[in-house]
Amino acid sequence: MPRSSILCGNHTADESTTFSEAGQQVLMDLQIATPKITGFYAATKTQVAGGAIYAIAQCAETLTQDSCLDCLSVEHSSIQGCLPKTNGRAFDAGCFMRYSETPFFADNQTID
């Protein structure tokens, strides 16, 4: 099984408890939703105290729905360790997840 790599930011969110709770929910939602979406890609913007959390998840299209879910499950476990930092990324050969309080995609591309 490929090994996950993690990059966490070095700034802690101002409202760290609120940010962590919202971030965990956003990442869990993406883990569950992404394998069910054609193309295995999902992005979301979620309002939190003092701003928003931008998050994406994606699997390689060569994966099955189950292997995408398995891959994102590993990444989700890894990236949770970044919270309450304001950004984090977890990735391996098959999938990745990213979140940030800074926008890194246009709002008009947001998928609910």
PDB file of N, CA and C in Angstrom:
ATOM      1  N   MET A   1       0.850  -1.191   0.000  1.00  0.00           N
ATOM      2  CA  MET A   1       0.000   0.000   0.000  1.00  0.00           C
ATOM      3  C   MET A   1       0.887   1.243   0.000  1.00  0.00           C
ATOM      4  N   PRO A   2       0.597   2.232  -0.853  1.00  0.00           N
ATOM      5  CA  PRO A   2       1.427   3.438  -0.901  1.00  0.00           C
ATOM      6  C   PRO A   2       1.433   4.161   0.448  1.00  0.00           C
ATOM      7  N   ARG A   3       2.521   4.808   0.734  1.00  0.00           N
ATOM      8  CA  ARG A   3       2.640   5.530   1.987  1.00  0.00           C
ATOM      9  C   ARG A   3       2.163   6.968   1.812  1.00  0.00           C
ATOM     10  N   SER A   4       1.417   7.442   2.766  1.00  0.00           N
ATOM     11  CA  SER A   4       0.871   8.793   2.732  1.00  0.00           C
ATOM     12  C   SER A   4       1.941   9.809   3.104  1.00  0.00           C
ATOM     13  N   SER A   5       1.913  10.956   2.442  1.00  0.00           N
ATOM     14  CA  SER A   5       2.765  12.083   2.797  1.00  0.00           C
ATOM     15  C   SER A   5       1.873  13.207   3.304  1.00  0.00           C
ATOM     16  N   ILE A   6       2.375  13.959   4.274  1.00  0.00           N
ATOM     17  CA  ILE A   6       1.568  15.010   4.897  1.00  0.00           C
ATOM     18  C   ILE A   6       2.366  16.312   4.927  1.00  0.00           C
ATOM     19  N   LEU A   7       1.704  17.408   4.616  1.00  0.00           N
ATOM     20  CA  LEU A   7       2.278  18.740   4.776  1.00  0.00           C
ATOM     21  C   LEU A   7       1.282  19.569   5.572  1.00  0.00           C
ATOM     22  N   CYS A   8       1.696  20.062   6.721  1.00  0.00           N
ATOM     23  CA  CYS A   8       0.827  20.912   7.543  1.00  0.00           C
ATOM     24  C   CYS A   8       1.387  22.322   7.551  1.00  0.00           C
ATOM     25  N   GLY A   9       0.486  23.299   7.576  1.00  0.00           N
ATOM     26  CA  GLY A   9       0.910  24.688   7.696  1.00  0.00           C
ATOM     27  C   GLY A   9       1.483  24.944   9.078  1.00  0.00           C
ATOM     28  N   ASN A  10       2.017  26.149   9.285  1.00  0.00           N
ATOM     29  CA  ASN A  10       2.599  26.462  10.589  1.00  0.00           C
ATOM     30  C   ASN A  10       1.845  27.553  11.322  1.00  0.00           C
ATOM     31  N   HIS A  11       0.659  27.931  10.838  1.00  0.00           N
ATOM     32  CA  HIS A  11      -0.176  28.920  11.518  1.00  0.00           C
ATOM     33  C   HIS A  11      -1.399  28.226  12.096  1.00  0.00           C
ATOM     34  N   THR A  12      -1.691  28.491  13.357  1.00  0.00           N
ATOM     35  CA  THR A  12      -2.876  27.938  14.001  1.00  0.00           C
ATOM     36  C   THR A  12      -4.051  28.888  13.777  1.00  0.00           C
ATOM     37  N   ALA A  13      -5.210  28.327  13.494  1.00  0.00           N
ATOM     38  CA  ALA A  13      -6.412  29.125  13.268  1.00  0.00           C
ATOM     39  C   ALA A  13      -6.746  29.961  14.507  1.00  0.00           C
ATOM     40  N   ASP A  14      -7.273  31.166  14.292  1.00  0.00           N
ATOM     41  CA  ASP A  14      -7.648  32.049  15.398  1.00  0.00           C
ATOM     42  C   ASP A  14      -8.692  31.395  16.298  1.00  0.00           C
ATOM     43  N   GLU A  15      -9.715  30.862  15.690  1.00  0.00           N
ATOM     44  CA  GLU A  15     -10.770  30.163  16.442  1.00  0.00           C
ATOM     45  C   GLU A  15     -10.468  28.669  16.330  1.00  0.00           C
ATOM     46  N   SER A  16      -9.404  28.225  17.000  1.00  0.00           N
ATOM     47  CA  SER A  16      -8.858  26.887  16.744  1.00  0.00           C
ATOM     48  C   SER A  16      -9.847  25.748  17.005  1.00  0.00           C
ATOM     49  N   THR A  17     -10.636  25.810  18.072  1.00  0.00           N
ATOM     50  CA  THR A  17     -11.580  24.727  18.360  1.00  0.00           C
ATOM     51  C   THR A  17     -12.671  24.673  17.298  1.00  0.00           C
ATOM     52  N   THR A  18     -13.256  25.814  16.975  1.00  0.00           N
ATOM     53  CA  THR A  18     -14.296  25.889  15.954  1.00  0.00           C
ATOM     54  C   THR A  18     -13.744  25.449  14.604  1.00  0.00           C
ATOM     55  N   PHE A  19     -12.540  25.927  14.275  1.00  0.00           N
ATOM     56  CA  PHE A  19     -11.912  25.590  13.006  1.00  0.00           C
ATOM     57  C   PHE A  19     -11.658  24.081  12.924  1.00  0.00           C
ATOM     58  N   SER A  20     -11.141  23.498  14.000  1.00  0.00           N
ATOM     59  CA  SER A  20     -10.861  22.054  14.021  1.00  0.00           C
ATOM     60  C   SER A  20     -12.128  21.235  13.833  1.00  0.00           C
ATOM     61  N   GLU A  21     -13.177  21.600  14.555  1.00  0.00           N
ATOM     62  CA  GLU A  21     -14.434  20.856  14.453  1.00  0.00           C
ATOM     63  C   GLU A  21     -15.014  20.954  13.046  1.00  0.00           C
ATOM     64  N   ALA A  22     -15.037  22.157  12.482  1.00  0.00           N
ATOM     65  CA  ALA A  22     -15.561  22.342  11.129  1.00  0.00           C
ATOM     66  C   ALA A  22     -14.676  21.618  10.120  1.00  0.00           C
ATOM     67  N   GLY A  23     -13.372  21.719  10.303  1.00  0.00           N
ATOM     68  CA  GLY A  23     -12.434  21.064   9.400  1.00  0.00           C
ATOM     69  C   GLY A  23     -12.599  19.557   9.395  1.00  0.00           C
ATOM     70  N   GLN A  24     -12.766  18.963  10.562  1.00  0.00           N
ATOM     71  CA  GLN A  24     -12.964  17.514  10.642  1.00  0.00           C
ATOM     72  C   GLN A  24     -14.228  17.089   9.911  1.00  0.00           C
ATOM     73  N   GLN A  25     -15.298  17.872  10.057  1.00  0.00           N
ATOM     74  CA  GLN A  25     -16.560  17.546   9.387  1.00  0.00           C
ATOM     75  C   GLN A  25     -16.426  17.673   7.873  1.00  0.00           C
ATOM     76  N   VAL A  26     -15.791  18.752   7.423  1.00  0.00           N
ATOM     77  CA  VAL A  26     -15.590  18.972   5.984  1.00  0.00           C
ATOM     78  C   VAL A  26     -14.790  17.818   5.378  1.00  0.00           C
ATOM     79  N   LEU A  27     -13.713  17.428   6.025  1.00  0.00           N
ATOM     80  CA  LEU A  27     -12.858  16.360   5.504  1.00  0.00           C
ATOM     81  C   LEU A  27     -13.580  15.008   5.503  1.00  0.00           C
ATOM     82  N   MET A  28     -14.378  14.755   6.532  1.00  0.00           N
ATOM     83  CA  MET A  28     -15.160  13.517   6.570  1.00  0.00           C
ATOM     84  C   MET A  28     -16.183  13.503   5.437  1.00  0.00           C
ATOM     85  N   ASP A  29     -16.863  14.626   5.244  1.00  0.00           N
ATOM     86  CA  ASP A  29     -17.847  14.718   4.160  1.00  0.00           C
ATOM     87  C   ASP A  29     -17.190  14.464   2.803  1.00  0.00           C
ATOM     88  N   LEU A  30     -16.005  15.034   2.589  1.00  0.00           N
ATOM     89  CA  LEU A  30     -15.296  14.831   1.324  1.00  0.00           C
ATOM     90  C   LEU A  30     -14.869  13.374   1.161  1.00  0.00           C
ATOM     91  N   GLN A  31     -14.421  12.764   2.233  1.00  0.00           N
ATOM     92  CA  GLN A  31     -14.002  11.360   2.173  1.00  0.00           C
ATOM     93  C   GLN A  31     -15.160  10.479   1.709  1.00  0.00           C
ATOM     94  N   ILE A  32     -16.355  10.770   2.205  1.00  0.00           N
ATOM     95  CA  ILE A  32     -17.534   9.971   1.876  1.00  0.00           C
ATOM     96  C   ILE A  32     -18.065  10.302   0.478  1.00  0.00           C
ATOM     97  N   ALA A  33     -18.103  11.587   0.125  1.00  0.00           N
ATOM     98  CA  ALA A  33     -18.727  12.014  -1.130  1.00  0.00           C
ATOM     99  C   ALA A  33     -17.873  11.759  -2.367  1.00  0.00           C
ATOM    100  N   THR A  34     -16.566  11.986  -2.267  1.00  0.00           N
ATOM    101  CA  THR A  34     -15.700  11.945  -3.445  1.00  0.00           C
ATOM    102  C   THR A  34     -15.786  10.635  -4.232  1.00  0.00           C
ATOM    103  N   PRO A  35     -15.735   9.464  -3.578  1.00  0.00           N
ATOM    104  CA  PRO A  35     -15.805   8.217  -4.359  1.00  0.00           C
ATOM    105  C   PRO A  35     -17.128   8.028  -5.109  1.00  0.00           C
ATOM    106  N   LYS A  36     -18.165   8.758  -4.707  1.00  0.00           N
ATOM    107  CA  LYS A  36     -19.488   8.616  -5.322  1.00  0.00           C
ATOM    108  C   LYS A  36     -19.677   9.562  -6.511  1.00  0.00           C
ATOM    109  N   ILE A  37     -18.715  10.469  -6.726  1.00  0.00           N
ATOM    110  CA  ILE A  37     -18.839  11.481  -7.770  1.00  0.00           C
ATOM    111  C   ILE A  37     -18.043  11.046  -9.008  1.00  0.00           C
ATOM    112  N   THR A  38     -18.653  11.146 -10.174  1.00  0.00           N
ATOM    113  CA  THR A  38     -17.955  10.818 -11.414  1.00  0.00           C
ATOM    114  C   THR A  38     -16.690  11.662 -11.521  1.00  0.00           C
ATOM    115  N   GLY A  39     -15.588  11.023 -11.808  1.00  0.00           N
ATOM    116  CA  GLY A  39     -14.317  11.726 -11.887  1.00  0.00           C
ATOM    117  C   GLY A  39     -13.570  11.754 -10.568  1.00  0.00           C
ATOM    118  N   PHE A  40     -14.214  11.277  -9.495  1.00  0.00           N
ATOM    119  CA  PHE A  40     -13.578  11.194  -8.171  1.00  0.00           C
ATOM    120  C   PHE A  40     -12.950  12.521  -7.734  1.00  0.00           C
ATOM    121  N   TYR A  41     -13.701  13.627  -7.871  1.00  0.00           N
ATOM    122  CA  TYR A  41     -13.186  14.940  -7.462  1.00  0.00           C
ATOM    123  C   TYR A  41     -14.306  15.713  -6.780  1.00  0.00           C
ATOM    124  N   ALA A  42     -13.991  16.323  -5.637  1.00  0.00           N
ATOM    125  CA  ALA A  42     -14.978  17.160  -4.945  1.00  0.00           C
ATOM    126  C   ALA A  42     -14.257  18.339  -4.315  1.00  0.00           C
ATOM    127  N   ALA A  43     -14.938  19.483  -4.292  1.00  0.00           N
ATOM    128  CA  ALA A  43     -14.406  20.694  -3.674  1.00  0.00           C
ATOM    129  C   ALA A  43     -15.528  21.367  -2.904  1.00  0.00           C
ATOM    130  N   THR A  44     -15.168  22.029  -1.811  1.00  0.00           N
ATOM    131  CA  THR A  44     -16.188  22.697  -1.010  1.00  0.00           C
ATOM    132  C   THR A  44     -15.609  23.922  -0.315  1.00  0.00           C
ATOM    133  N   LYS A  45     -16.469  24.889  -0.076  1.00  0.00           N
ATOM    134  CA  LYS A  45     -16.135  26.060   0.733  1.00  0.00           C
ATOM    135  C   LYS A  45     -17.143  26.074   1.872  1.00  0.00           C
ATOM    136  N   THR A  46     -16.643  26.068   3.105  1.00  0.00           N
ATOM    137  CA  THR A  46     -17.503  26.018   4.278  1.00  0.00           C
ATOM    138  C   THR A  46     -17.221  27.229   5.161  1.00  0.00           C
ATOM    139  N   GLN A  47     -18.253  27.990   5.476  1.00  0.00           N
ATOM    140  CA  GLN A  47     -18.084  29.165   6.337  1.00  0.00           C
ATOM    141  C   GLN A  47     -17.776  28.734   7.765  1.00  0.00           C
ATOM    142  N   VAL A  48     -16.803  29.394   8.378  1.00  0.00           N
ATOM    143  CA  VAL A  48     -16.482  29.181   9.789  1.00  0.00           C
ATOM    144  C   VAL A  48     -16.287  30.544  10.426  1.00  0.00           C
ATOM    145  N   ALA A  49     -16.241  30.581  11.755  1.00  0.00           N
ATOM    146  CA  ALA A  49     -16.015  31.842  12.460  1.00  0.00           C
ATOM    147  C   ALA A  49     -14.746  32.503  11.921  1.00  0.00           C
ATOM    148  N   GLY A  50     -14.882  33.735  11.475  1.00  0.00           N
ATOM    149  CA  GLY A  50     -13.734  34.485  10.998  1.00  0.00           C
ATOM    150  C   GLY A  50     -13.304  34.180   9.578  1.00  0.00           C
ATOM    151  N   GLY A  51     -14.062  33.366   8.830  1.00  0.00           N
ATOM    152  CA  GLY A  51     -13.656  33.092   7.455  1.00  0.00           C
ATOM    153  C   GLY A  51     -14.297  31.846   6.874  1.00  0.00           C
ATOM    154  N   ALA A  52     -13.495  31.049   6.181  1.00  0.00           N
ATOM    155  CA  ALA A  52     -14.010  29.858   5.513  1.00  0.00           C
ATOM    156  C   ALA A  52     -12.913  28.802   5.437  1.00  0.00           C
ATOM    157  N   ILE A  53     -13.344  27.558   5.236  1.00  0.00           N
ATOM    158  CA  ILE A  53     -12.423  26.454   4.969  1.00  0.00           C
ATOM    159  C   ILE A  53     -12.668  26.022   3.527  1.00  0.00           C
ATOM    160  N   TYR A  54     -11.628  26.058   2.726  1.00  0.00           N
ATOM    161  CA  TYR A  54     -11.667  25.566   1.356  1.00  0.00           C
ATOM    162  C   TYR A  54     -11.038  24.179   1.379  1.00  0.00           C
ATOM    163  N   ALA A  55     -11.702  23.203   0.780  1.00  0.00           N
ATOM    164  CA  ALA A  55     -11.170  21.840   0.827  1.00  0.00           C
ATOM    165  C   ALA A  55     -11.486  21.096  -0.464  1.00  0.00           C
ATOM    166  N   ILE A  56     -10.561  20.209  -0.850  1.00  0.00           N
ATOM    167  CA  ILE A  56     -10.764  19.358  -2.015  1.00  0.00           C
ATOM    168  C   ILE A  56     -10.290  17.948  -1.697  1.00  0.00           C
ATOM    169  N   ALA A  57     -10.825  17.006  -2.439  1.00  0.00           N
ATOM    170  CA  ALA A  57     -10.355  15.626  -2.392  1.00  0.00           C
ATOM    171  C   ALA A  57     -10.446  15.080  -3.808  1.00  0.00           C
ATOM    172  N   GLN A  58      -9.479  14.245  -4.159  1.00  0.00           N
ATOM    173  CA  GLN A  58      -9.476  13.658  -5.489  1.00  0.00           C
ATOM    174  C   GLN A  58      -8.782  12.307  -5.463  1.00  0.00           C
ATOM    175  N   CYS A  59      -9.326  11.381  -6.256  1.00  0.00           N
ATOM    176  CA  CYS A  59      -8.699  10.076  -6.451  1.00  0.00           C
ATOM    177  C   CYS A  59      -8.339   9.930  -7.923  1.00  0.00           C
ATOM    178  N   ALA A  60      -7.331   9.110  -8.187  1.00  0.00           N
ATOM    179  CA  ALA A  60      -7.001   8.771  -9.569  1.00  0.00           C
ATOM    180  C   ALA A  60      -8.205   8.062 -10.183  1.00  0.00           C
ATOM    181  N   GLU A  61      -8.537   8.412 -11.422  1.00  0.00           N
ATOM    182  CA  GLU A  61      -9.710   7.818 -12.060  1.00  0.00           C
ATOM    183  C   GLU A  61      -9.535   6.338 -12.357  1.00  0.00           C
ATOM    184  N   THR A  62      -8.315   5.825 -12.231  1.00  0.00           N
ATOM    185  CA  THR A  62      -8.061   4.400 -12.453  1.00  0.00           C
ATOM    186  C   THR A  62      -8.470   3.552 -11.250  1.00  0.00           C
ATOM    187  N   LEU A  63      -8.750   4.190 -10.111  1.00  0.00           N
ATOM    188  CA  LEU A  63      -9.176   3.462  -8.920  1.00  0.00           C
ATOM    189  C   LEU A  63     -10.641   3.069  -9.033  1.00  0.00           C
ATOM    190  N   THR A  64     -11.034   2.060  -8.264  1.00  0.00           N
ATOM    191  CA  THR A  64     -12.451   1.718  -8.134  1.00  0.00           C
ATOM    192  C   THR A  64     -13.045   2.621  -7.055  1.00  0.00           C
ATOM    193  N   GLN A  65     -14.357   2.629  -6.956  1.00  0.00           N
ATOM    194  CA  GLN A  65     -15.013   3.428  -5.918  1.00  0.00           C
ATOM    195  C   GLN A  65     -14.531   2.998  -4.534  1.00  0.00           C
ATOM    196  N   ASP A  66     -14.433   1.694  -4.299  1.00  0.00           N
ATOM    197  CA  ASP A  66     -13.980   1.190  -2.999  1.00  0.00           C
ATOM    198  C   ASP A  66     -12.530   1.554  -2.710  1.00  0.00           C
ATOM    199  N   SER A  67     -11.656   1.440  -3.706  1.00  0.00           N
ATOM    200  CA  SER A  67     -10.246   1.762  -3.468  1.00  0.00           C
ATOM    201  C   SER A  67     -10.053   3.272  -3.296  1.00  0.00           C
ATOM    202  N   CYS A  68     -10.897   4.075  -3.945  1.00  0.00           N
ATOM    203  CA  CYS A  68     -10.869   5.527  -3.727  1.00  0.00           C
ATOM    204  C   CYS A  68     -11.241   5.829  -2.278  1.00  0.00           C
ATOM    205  N   LEU A  69     -12.305   5.203  -1.790  1.00  0.00           N
ATOM    206  CA  LEU A  69     -12.729   5.408  -0.406  1.00  0.00           C
ATOM    207  C   LEU A  69     -11.637   4.971   0.569  1.00  0.00           C
ATOM    208  N   ASP A  70     -11.028   3.812   0.299  1.00  0.00           N
ATOM    209  CA  ASP A  70      -9.941   3.326   1.157  1.00  0.00           C
ATOM    210  C   ASP A  70      -8.776   4.304   1.172  1.00  0.00           C
ATOM    211  N   CYS A  71      -8.393   4.784   0.002  1.00  0.00           N
ATOM    212  CA  CYS A  71      -7.278   5.719  -0.118  1.00  0.00           C
ATOM    213  C   CYS A  71      -7.576   7.009   0.655  1.00  0.00           C
ATOM    214  N   LEU A  72      -8.773   7.568   0.452  1.00  0.00           N
ATOM    215  CA  LEU A  72      -9.132   8.814   1.139  1.00  0.00           C
ATOM    216  C   LEU A  72      -9.262   8.611   2.642  1.00  0.00           C
ATOM    217  N   SER A  73      -9.614   7.411   3.061  1.00  0.00           N
ATOM    218  CA  SER A  73      -9.690   7.110   4.486  1.00  0.00           C
ATOM    219  C   SER A  73      -8.310   7.266   5.129  1.00  0.00           C
ATOM    220  N   VAL A  74      -7.277   6.775   4.457  1.00  0.00           N
ATOM    221  CA  VAL A  74      -5.909   6.911   4.949  1.00  0.00           C
ATOM    222  C   VAL A  74      -5.507   8.393   4.977  1.00  0.00           C
ATOM    223  N   GLU A  75      -5.808   9.114   3.899  1.00  0.00           N
ATOM    224  CA  GLU A  75      -5.448  10.532   3.824  1.00  0.00           C
ATOM    225  C   GLU A  75      -6.202  11.340   4.889  1.00  0.00           C
ATOM    226  N   HIS A  76      -7.471  11.000   5.099  1.00  0.00           N
ATOM    227  CA  HIS A  76      -8.279  11.694   6.095  1.00  0.00           C
ATOM    228  C   HIS A  76      -7.659  11.521   7.480  1.00  0.00           C
ATOM    229  N   SER A  77      -7.261  10.291   7.809  1.00  0.00           N
ATOM    230  CA  SER A  77      -6.619  10.035   9.102  1.00  0.00           C
ATOM    231  C   SER A  77      -5.337  10.858   9.243  1.00  0.00           C
ATOM    232  N   SER A  78      -4.580  10.949   8.167  1.00  0.00           N
ATOM    233  CA  SER A  78      -3.315  11.691   8.193  1.00  0.00           C
ATOM    234  C   SER A  78      -3.527  13.197   8.329  1.00  0.00           C
ATOM    235  N   ILE A  79      -4.417  13.747   7.510  1.00  0.00           N
ATOM    236  CA  ILE A  79      -4.580  15.205   7.446  1.00  0.00           C
ATOM    237  C   ILE A  79      -5.234  15.763   8.713  1.00  0.00           C
ATOM    238  N   GLN A  80      -5.999  14.940   9.432  1.00  0.00           N
ATOM    239  CA  GLN A  80      -6.614  15.416  10.672  1.00  0.00           C
ATOM    240  C   GLN A  80      -5.565  15.898  11.670  1.00  0.00           C
ATOM    241  N   GLY A  81      -4.368  15.314  11.583  1.00  0.00           N
ATOM    242  CA  GLY A  81      -3.282  15.722  12.463  1.00  0.00           C
ATOM    243  C   GLY A  81      -2.815  17.141  12.228  1.00  0.00           C
ATOM    244  N   CYS A  82      -3.184  17.725  11.090  1.00  0.00           N
ATOM    245  CA  CYS A  82      -2.808  19.113  10.791  1.00  0.00           C
ATOM    246  C   CYS A  82      -3.701  20.107  11.546  1.00  0.00           C
ATOM    247  N   LEU A  83      -4.939  19.741  11.798  1.00  0.00           N
ATOM    248  CA  LEU A  83      -5.861  20.664  12.483  1.00  0.00           C
ATOM    249  C   LEU A  83      -5.374  20.921  13.904  1.00  0.00           C
ATOM    250  N   PRO A  84      -5.467  22.146  14.457  1.00  0.00           N
ATOM    251  CA  PRO A  84      -6.125  23.338  13.935  1.00  0.00           C
ATOM    252  C   PRO A  84      -5.224  24.255  13.096  1.00  0.00           C
ATOM    253  N   LYS A  85      -4.189  23.720  12.476  1.00  0.00           N
ATOM    254  CA  LYS A  85      -3.393  24.544  11.561  1.00  0.00           C
ATOM    255  C   LYS A  85      -4.303  25.020  10.431  1.00  0.00           C
ATOM    256  N   THR A  86      -3.982  26.177   9.847  1.00  0.00           N
ATOM    257  CA  THR A  86      -4.873  26.790   8.862  1.00  0.00           C
ATOM    258  C   THR A  86      -4.818  26.124   7.496  1.00  0.00           C
ATOM    259  N   ASN A  87      -3.871  25.197   7.289  1.00  0.00           N
ATOM    260  CA  ASN A  87      -3.877  24.458   6.033  1.00  0.00           C
ATOM    261  C   ASN A  87      -3.159  23.130   6.193  1.00  0.00           C
ATOM    262  N   GLY A  88      -3.531  22.195   5.327  1.00  0.00           N
ATOM    263  CA  GLY A  88      -2.902  20.882   5.359  1.00  0.00           C
ATOM    264  C   GLY A  88      -3.132  20.146   4.057  1.00  0.00           C
ATOM    265  N   ARG A  89      -2.210  19.236   3.758  1.00  0.00           N
ATOM    266  CA  ARG A  89      -2.315  18.387   2.573  1.00  0.00           C
ATOM    267  C   ARG A  89      -1.873  16.981   2.947  1.00  0.00           C
ATOM    268  N   ALA A  90      -2.565  16.003   2.411  1.00  0.00           N
ATOM    269  CA  ALA A  90      -2.174  14.606   2.576  1.00  0.00           C
ATOM    270  C   ALA A  90      -2.343  13.952   1.215  1.00  0.00           C
ATOM    271  N   PHE A  91      -1.338  13.183   0.804  1.00  0.00           N
ATOM    272  CA  PHE A  91      -1.382  12.642  -0.551  1.00  0.00           C
ATOM    273  C   PHE A  91      -0.530  11.390  -0.672  1.00  0.00           C
ATOM    274  N   ASP A  92      -0.877  10.568  -1.656  1.00  0.00           N
ATOM    275  CA  ASP A  92      -0.046   9.449  -2.072  1.00  0.00           C
ATOM    276  C   ASP A  92      -0.297   9.243  -3.560  1.00  0.00           C
ATOM    277  N   ALA A  93       0.126   8.117  -4.089  1.00  0.00           N
ATOM    278  CA  ALA A  93       0.025   7.890  -5.536  1.00  0.00           C
ATOM    279  C   ALA A  93      -1.416   7.826  -6.044  1.00  0.00           C
ATOM    280  N   GLY A  94      -2.367   7.457  -5.174  1.00  0.00           N
ATOM    281  CA  GLY A  94      -3.734   7.251  -5.646  1.00  0.00           C
ATOM    282  C   GLY A  94      -4.722   8.361  -5.362  1.00  0.00           C
ATOM    283  N   CYS A  95      -4.439   9.205  -4.359  1.00  0.00           N
ATOM    284  CA  CYS A  95      -5.426  10.228  -4.001  1.00  0.00           C
ATOM    285  C   CYS A  95      -4.784  11.333  -3.170  1.00  0.00           C
ATOM    286  N   PHE A  96      -5.529  12.419  -2.993  1.00  0.00           N
ATOM    287  CA  PHE A  96      -5.061  13.473  -2.094  1.00  0.00           C
ATOM    288  C   PHE A  96      -6.230  14.249  -1.519  1.00  0.00           C
ATOM    289  N   MET A  97      -5.951  14.909  -0.395  1.00  0.00           N
ATOM    290  CA  MET A  97      -6.896  15.825   0.239  1.00  0.00           C
ATOM    291  C   MET A  97      -6.122  17.085   0.587  1.00  0.00           C
ATOM    292  N   ARG A  98      -6.809  18.201   0.530  1.00  0.00           N
ATOM    293  CA  ARG A  98      -6.198  19.471   0.910  1.00  0.00           C
ATOM    294  C   ARG A  98      -7.270  20.360   1.515  1.00  0.00           C
ATOM    295  N   TYR A  99      -6.873  21.133   2.537  1.00  0.00           N
ATOM    296  CA  TYR A  99      -7.769  22.158   3.060  1.00  0.00           C
ATOM    297  C   TYR A  99      -6.937  23.393   3.381  1.00  0.00           C
ATOM    298  N   SER A 100      -7.595  24.550   3.393  1.00  0.00           N
ATOM    299  CA  SER A 100      -6.921  25.799   3.723  1.00  0.00           C
ATOM    300  C   SER A 100      -7.958  26.859   4.062  1.00  0.00           C
ATOM    301  N   GLU A 101      -7.568  27.820   4.901  1.00  0.00           N
ATOM    302  CA  GLU A 101      -8.471  28.952   5.125  1.00  0.00           C
ATOM    303  C   GLU A 101      -8.279  29.987   4.023  1.00  0.00           C
ATOM    304  N   THR A 102      -7.260  29.819   3.202  1.00  0.00           N
ATOM    305  CA  THR A 102      -6.999  30.703   2.059  1.00  0.00           C
ATOM    306  C   THR A 102      -7.563  30.052   0.798  1.00  0.00           C
ATOM    307  N   PRO A 103      -8.342  30.798  -0.003  1.00  0.00           N
ATOM    308  CA  PRO A 103      -8.913  30.203  -1.222  1.00  0.00           C
ATOM    309  C   PRO A 103      -7.815  29.704  -2.161  1.00  0.00           C
ATOM    310  N   PHE A 104      -7.984  28.508  -2.703  1.00  0.00           N
ATOM    311  CA  PHE A 104      -7.055  28.022  -3.720  1.00  0.00           C
ATOM    312  C   PHE A 104      -7.813  27.482  -4.939  1.00  0.00           C
ATOM    313  N   PHE A 105      -9.116  27.777  -5.004  1.00  0.00           N
ATOM    314  CA  PHE A 105      -9.918  27.545  -6.201  1.00  0.00           C
ATOM    315  C   PHE A 105     -10.999  28.616  -6.230  1.00  0.00           C
ATOM    316  N   ALA A 106     -11.515  28.895  -7.431  1.00  0.00           N
ATOM    317  CA  ALA A 106     -12.544  29.929  -7.590  1.00  0.00           C
ATOM    318  C   ALA A 106     -13.864  29.449  -6.987  1.00  0.00           C
ATOM    319  N   ASP A 107     -14.572  30.347  -6.294  1.00  0.00           N
ATOM    320  CA  ASP A 107     -15.830  29.981  -5.659  1.00  0.00           C
ATOM    321  C   ASP A 107     -16.841  29.419  -6.656  1.00  0.00           C
ATOM    322  N   ASN A 108     -16.789  29.886  -7.907  1.00  0.00           N
ATOM    323  CA  ASN A 108     -17.765  29.401  -8.879  1.00  0.00           C
ATOM    324  C   ASN A 108     -17.491  27.959  -9.311  1.00  0.00           C
ATOM    325  N   GLN A 109     -16.384  27.371  -8.818  1.00  0.00           N
ATOM    326  CA  GLN A 109     -16.098  25.964  -9.090  1.00  0.00           C
ATOM    327  C   GLN A 109     -16.529  25.080  -7.923  1.00  0.00           C
ATOM    328  N   THR A 110     -17.057  25.692  -6.873  1.00  0.00           N
ATOM    329  CA  THR A 110     -17.424  24.943  -5.679  1.00  0.00           C
ATOM    330  C   THR A 110     -18.553  23.968  -5.968  1.00  0.00           C
ATOM    331  N   ILE A 111     -18.403  22.761  -5.467  1.00  0.00           N
ATOM    332  CA  ILE A 111     -19.417  21.719  -5.626  1.00  0.00           C
ATOM    333  C   ILE A 111     -19.975  21.423  -4.247  1.00  0.00           C
ATOM    334  N   ASP A 112     -21.279  21.421  -4.121  1.00  0.00           N
ATOM    335  CA  ASP A 112     -21.898  21.143  -2.831  1.00  0.00           C
ATOM    336  C   ASP A 112     -22.137  19.644  -2.706  1.00  0.00           C
TER     337      ASP A 112
END
